[in-house]
Amino acid sequence: MDLTGRQEAILSTIIREYTQTAEPVGSKLLENRGNLGVSSATIRADMHDLEDLGYLTHPHTSSGRVPTHKAFRYFVDNIIQNTPRIDINEAELIQEELEKNFNNPSDINKALAKVLSGLSGNMIMTGIIGKNEFHKTGISALMSLPEFREIDRIFNITSFFDEFDEIFEKMAGEIFGSENIIPTIRVGTGDIGKDIKILIGKENPLEEMSGETVIISRYLLPQNYIGSLTLVGPMRMDYERNLGLVKFATKYLNLTANRPLLLE
């Protein structure tokens, strides 16, 4: 069953609100937003239908609703897939940091991990495919989020962080299949459509990551290397912002990877 335009607008608003607050969203709040043009009763009816369809769930301690895995997948595939968001100042900062390290693939990856973790507030791991070399940062930022107050979640995310070097090749193989070593990027075009994957919740091949979202991408680096970027955060992450950051960074690297090296 396809969602109506109003149902899609309600679902989108709930997801964006929940992303910011981590709190259940009620019909009164949606009515006060003023952009739906219908009563609270009509909104409640649509929310009930969305819950019946599996897009929302109803915590026992609240009258509000929270999005499910199905809701986030719908949001990514149907609402924001072609409209990722990035601020011009953020784009300039990414470009500036990558340009400082233009000659060295390892230094590029280190700078990429640092700048994207700082901008997204999520955990970032970068690497070079075929080489056991990774740059990992941002786990402390995740620990400040309400999702990671539970011991099991803390253990799972820290274990993933610590063991990432050993599990990356297997994980990439399961995500990209037979293409996990040679990406489909067309040199010089910045075409990255097939080289960014978004795994939400139980879509992750690792059971311990079934409560989180993983965005993984591949990109070109100087000296004919292929880079990998893995962004990890809670399911309620800001998909528009994170996808915008990842797409901009990887597109920029794809377009600049084959420039002549600068002399030291």
Protein backbone atom coordinates (compact mmCIF):
# COMPACT_ATOMS: atom_id res chain seq x y z
CA MET A 1 0.00 0.00 0.00
CA ASP A 2 1.36 3.40 -1.03
CA LEU A 3 1.23 6.25 1.45
CA THR A 4 -0.94 9.24 0.71
CA GLY A 5 0.73 12.61 0.33
CA ARG A 6 -0.47 13.65 3.78
CA GLN A 7 0.69 10.42 5.40
CA GLU A 8 4.09 10.86 3.81
CA ALA A 9 4.27 14.45 5.09
CA ILE A 10 3.29 13.33 8.60
CA LEU A 11 5.84 10.52 8.56
CA SER A 12 8.56 12.84 7.31
CA THR A 13 7.79 15.41 10.01
CA ILE A 14 7.79 12.75 12.74
CA ILE A 15 11.15 11.40 11.58
CA ARG A 16 12.76 14.84 11.44
CA GLU A 17 11.39 15.75 14.87
CA TYR A 18 12.46 12.43 16.40
CA THR A 19 15.92 12.84 14.85
CA GLN A 20 16.35 16.08 16.75
CA THR A 21 14.79 15.17 20.11
CA ALA A 22 14.89 11.36 20.49
CA GLU A 23 11.43 11.76 22.05
CA PRO A 24 8.08 10.29 20.90
CA VAL A 25 6.13 12.68 18.68
CA GLY A 26 2.45 13.44 19.36
CA SER A 27 -0.34 14.71 17.13
CA LYS A 28 -0.57 18.04 18.96
CA LEU A 29 3.04 18.85 18.15
CA LEU A 30 2.43 18.04 14.48
CA GLU A 31 -0.66 20.25 14.45
CA ASN A 32 1.33 23.11 15.99
CA ARG A 33 3.90 22.84 13.22
CA GLY A 34 1.20 24.46 11.07
CA ASN A 35 2.19 23.00 7.71
CA LEU A 36 -0.27 20.09 7.44
CA GLY A 37 -3.49 22.08 7.29
CA VAL A 38 -5.62 19.50 9.11
CA SER A 39 -6.91 19.00 12.64
CA SER A 40 -5.25 17.06 15.42
CA ALA A 41 -7.96 14.39 15.10
CA THR A 42 -7.17 13.87 11.41
CA ILE A 43 -3.47 13.68 12.21
CA ARG A 44 -4.16 11.10 14.93
CA ALA A 45 -6.14 9.00 12.46
CA ASP A 46 -3.29 9.07 9.95
CA MET A 47 -0.78 8.23 12.67
CA HIS A 48 -2.93 5.26 13.65
CA ASP A 49 -2.94 4.07 10.03
CA LEU A 50 0.84 4.52 9.81
CA GLU A 51 1.20 2.44 12.96
CA ASP A 52 -1.00 -0.31 11.48
CA LEU A 53 1.20 -0.27 8.37
CA GLY A 54 4.34 -0.73 10.46
CA TYR A 55 5.86 2.74 10.03
CA LEU A 56 5.32 3.92 13.62
CA THR A 57 5.37 2.29 17.00
CA HIS A 58 3.78 3.38 20.27
CA PRO A 59 5.95 3.34 23.41
CA HIS A 60 3.94 2.26 26.44
CA THR A 61 4.98 5.27 28.50
CA SER A 62 4.00 7.91 25.94
CA SER A 63 1.05 8.97 23.83
CA GLY A 64 3.44 9.88 21.02
CA ARG A 65 4.86 7.71 18.26
CA VAL A 66 8.38 6.86 17.14
CA PRO A 67 9.52 5.75 13.66
CA THR A 68 10.35 2.12 12.97
CA HIS A 69 13.06 0.62 10.78
CA LYS A 70 10.46 0.50 7.99
CA ALA A 71 9.85 4.24 8.38
CA PHE A 72 13.52 5.15 8.13
CA ARG A 73 13.94 2.94 5.06
CA TYR A 74 10.95 4.60 3.39
CA PHE A 75 12.34 8.02 4.31
CA VAL A 76 15.72 7.25 2.75
CA ASP A 77 14.37 5.57 -0.39
CA ASN A 78 11.41 7.82 -1.19
CA ILE A 79 11.81 11.21 0.47
CA ILE A 80 15.47 12.24 0.69
CA GLN A 81 17.36 9.96 -1.70
CA ASN A 82 17.80 12.69 -4.31
CA THR A 83 17.94 15.68 -1.97
CA PRO A 84 20.86 15.24 0.44
CA ARG A 85 21.70 18.37 2.42
CA ILE A 86 25.07 20.06 2.86
CA ASP A 87 25.88 23.60 3.91
CA ILE A 88 28.24 25.58 1.68
CA ASN A 89 30.56 26.25 4.62
CA GLU A 90 30.72 22.54 5.39
CA ALA A 91 31.51 21.76 1.75
CA GLU A 92 34.31 24.32 1.76
CA LEU A 93 35.73 22.89 5.00
CA ILE A 94 35.78 19.35 3.59
CA GLN A 95 37.46 20.53 0.42
CA GLU A 96 40.02 22.56 2.38
CA GLU A 97 40.96 19.65 4.66
CA LEU A 98 41.29 17.19 1.77
CA GLU A 99 43.38 19.60 -0.29
CA LYS A 100 45.93 19.89 2.53
CA ASN A 101 46.71 16.20 2.12
CA PHE A 102 46.35 15.85 -1.64
CA ASN A 103 49.45 13.75 -2.36
CA ASN A 104 49.09 10.99 0.22
CA PRO A 105 46.13 8.53 0.19
CA SER A 106 46.61 7.64 3.86
CA ASP A 107 46.69 11.29 4.92
CA ILE A 108 43.59 11.97 2.82
CA ASN A 109 41.73 9.21 4.66
CA LYS A 110 42.88 10.47 8.03
CA ALA A 111 41.69 14.00 7.22
CA LEU A 112 38.42 12.67 5.80
CA ALA A 113 37.64 10.69 8.95
CA LYS A 114 38.38 13.64 11.20
CA VAL A 115 36.41 16.26 9.31
CA LEU A 116 33.33 14.08 8.67
CA SER A 117 33.20 12.88 12.27
CA GLY A 118 33.37 16.46 13.47
CA LEU A 119 30.61 17.61 11.13
CA SER A 120 28.27 14.64 11.53
CA GLY A 121 28.78 13.85 15.22
CA ASN A 122 28.98 10.19 14.23
CA MET A 123 31.65 7.50 14.21
CA ILE A 124 33.80 7.37 11.07
CA MET A 125 36.22 4.73 9.80
CA THR A 126 38.22 5.20 6.60
CA GLY A 127 40.56 2.76 4.91
CA ILE A 128 42.27 1.74 1.70
CA ILE A 129 40.81 -1.39 0.12
CA GLY A 130 43.39 -4.17 0.04
CA LYS A 131 45.57 -2.59 2.73
CA ASN A 132 45.16 -3.23 6.44
CA GLU A 133 45.22 0.45 7.34
CA PHE A 134 42.32 2.29 8.91
CA HIS A 135 41.64 5.63 10.55
CA LYS A 136 38.88 5.51 13.19
CA THR A 137 37.39 8.36 15.18
CA GLY A 138 34.18 9.69 16.69
CA ILE A 139 33.19 7.00 19.17
CA SER A 140 33.17 9.48 22.06
CA ALA A 141 30.58 11.60 20.21
CA LEU A 142 28.24 8.61 20.01
CA MET A 143 28.56 7.98 23.73
CA SER A 144 26.87 11.32 24.41
CA LEU A 145 23.66 10.24 22.63
CA PRO A 146 20.73 8.81 24.63
CA GLU A 147 20.75 5.56 22.63
CA PHE A 148 24.12 4.65 24.08
CA ARG A 149 23.20 4.78 27.73
CA GLU A 150 22.42 1.06 27.66
CA ILE A 151 25.31 -1.26 28.52
CA ASP A 152 24.57 -3.67 25.66
CA ARG A 153 24.57 -0.88 23.07
CA ILE A 154 27.82 0.53 24.47
CA PHE A 155 29.46 -2.90 24.35
CA ASN A 156 28.30 -3.59 20.79
CA ILE A 157 29.43 -0.25 19.35
CA THR A 158 32.81 -0.27 21.12
CA SER A 159 33.42 -3.86 20.01
CA PHE A 160 32.61 -2.89 16.43
CA PHE A 161 35.02 0.05 16.69
CA ASP A 162 37.83 -2.05 18.17
CA GLU A 163 37.42 -4.99 15.77
CA PHE A 164 36.68 -3.02 12.61
CA ASP A 165 40.11 -3.68 11.07
CA GLU A 166 39.52 -7.45 11.24
CA ILE A 167 35.88 -7.53 10.09
CA PHE A 168 35.91 -4.88 7.35
CA GLU A 169 36.72 -7.11 4.37
CA LYS A 170 34.02 -9.62 5.28
CA MET A 171 31.49 -6.87 5.92
CA ALA A 172 32.31 -5.10 2.63
CA GLY A 173 32.00 -8.39 0.78
CA GLU A 174 28.51 -8.98 2.17
CA ILE A 175 27.44 -5.41 1.41
CA PHE A 176 28.91 -4.95 -2.08
CA GLY A 177 29.04 -8.62 -3.13
CA SER A 178 31.46 -9.44 -5.91
CA GLU A 179 32.10 -5.74 -6.48
CA ASN A 180 33.64 -5.19 -3.04
CA ILE A 181 37.18 -4.75 -4.43
CA ILE A 182 36.66 -2.95 -7.75
CA PRO A 183 34.06 -0.18 -7.55
CA THR A 184 31.81 0.92 -10.39
CA ILE A 185 32.87 4.57 -10.23
CA ARG A 186 33.49 6.06 -13.66
CA VAL A 187 36.75 7.96 -13.44
CA GLY A 188 36.31 11.69 -13.80
CA THR A 189 32.50 11.71 -13.57
CA GLY A 190 31.87 11.55 -9.85
CA ASP A 191 29.16 8.93 -10.48
CA ILE A 192 28.83 7.25 -7.08
CA GLY A 193 25.28 5.96 -7.16
CA LYS A 194 26.25 2.29 -6.79
CA ASP A 195 29.06 2.95 -4.34
CA ILE A 196 27.14 4.26 -1.35
CA LYS A 197 25.10 1.81 0.69
CA ILE A 198 22.84 2.65 3.63
CA LEU A 199 22.14 -0.23 6.01
CA ILE A 200 19.45 0.50 8.57
CA GLY A 201 19.02 -1.59 11.70
CA LYS A 202 18.62 -5.29 10.96
CA GLU A 203 19.80 -4.80 7.38
CA ASN A 204 23.34 -4.76 8.81
CA PRO A 205 25.20 -8.05 8.23
CA LEU A 206 26.56 -7.94 11.79
CA GLU A 207 23.97 -8.78 14.43
CA GLU A 208 25.55 -6.53 17.04
CA MET A 209 24.89 -3.54 14.76
CA SER A 210 21.19 -4.31 14.30
CA GLY A 211 20.20 -1.25 16.32
CA GLU A 212 22.31 1.23 14.33
CA THR A 213 22.63 2.64 10.82
CA VAL A 214 25.78 2.19 8.74
CA ILE A 215 26.56 4.25 5.64
CA ILE A 216 29.45 2.76 3.67
CA SER A 217 30.99 4.18 0.51
CA ARG A 218 33.92 3.70 -1.85
CA TYR A 219 35.86 6.33 -3.74
CA LEU A 220 38.96 6.91 -5.79
CA LEU A 221 42.27 7.98 -4.26
CA PRO A 222 45.56 9.11 -5.84
CA GLN A 223 48.04 6.47 -6.99
CA ASN A 224 45.20 4.20 -8.18
CA TYR A 225 44.01 3.27 -4.68
CA ILE A 226 40.38 2.75 -3.71
CA GLY A 227 39.21 4.27 -0.44
CA SER A 228 36.44 3.14 1.89
CA LEU A 229 34.36 5.26 4.25
CA THR A 230 32.09 3.84 6.97
CA LEU A 231 29.81 6.17 8.98
CA VAL A 232 28.03 4.68 11.99
CA GLY A 233 25.30 6.22 14.11
CA PRO A 234 21.90 5.52 15.65
CA MET A 235 18.91 4.72 13.44
CA ARG A 236 17.52 8.19 14.17
CA MET A 237 20.59 9.84 12.60
CA ASP A 238 20.16 12.88 10.37
CA TYR A 239 20.08 11.02 7.05
CA GLU A 240 19.78 14.13 4.89
CA ARG A 241 22.83 15.73 6.45
CA ASN A 242 24.98 12.59 6.67
CA LEU A 243 24.19 11.49 3.13
CA GLY A 244 24.96 15.00 1.92
CA LEU A 245 28.35 14.97 3.66
CA VAL A 246 29.28 11.52 2.36
CA LYS A 247 28.14 12.22 -1.19
CA PHE A 248 29.98 15.52 -1.39
CA ALA A 249 33.24 14.13 0.01
CA THR A 250 33.28 11.03 -2.17
CA LYS A 251 32.28 12.93 -5.30
CA TYR A 252 35.04 15.46 -4.67
CA LEU A 253 37.63 12.69 -4.23
CA ASN A 254 36.43 10.88 -7.36
CA LEU A 255 36.81 14.03 -9.42
CA THR A 256 40.28 14.92 -8.12
CA ALA A 257 41.95 11.53 -7.65
CA ASN A 258 43.71 11.52 -11.02
CA ARG A 259 45.28 14.96 -10.89
CA PRO A 260 49.08 15.00 -11.25
CA LEU A 261 50.84 14.72 -7.88
CA LEU A 262 52.31 17.89 -6.47
CA LEU A 263 56.07 17.94 -5.98
CA GLU A 264 57.12 17.93 -2.34
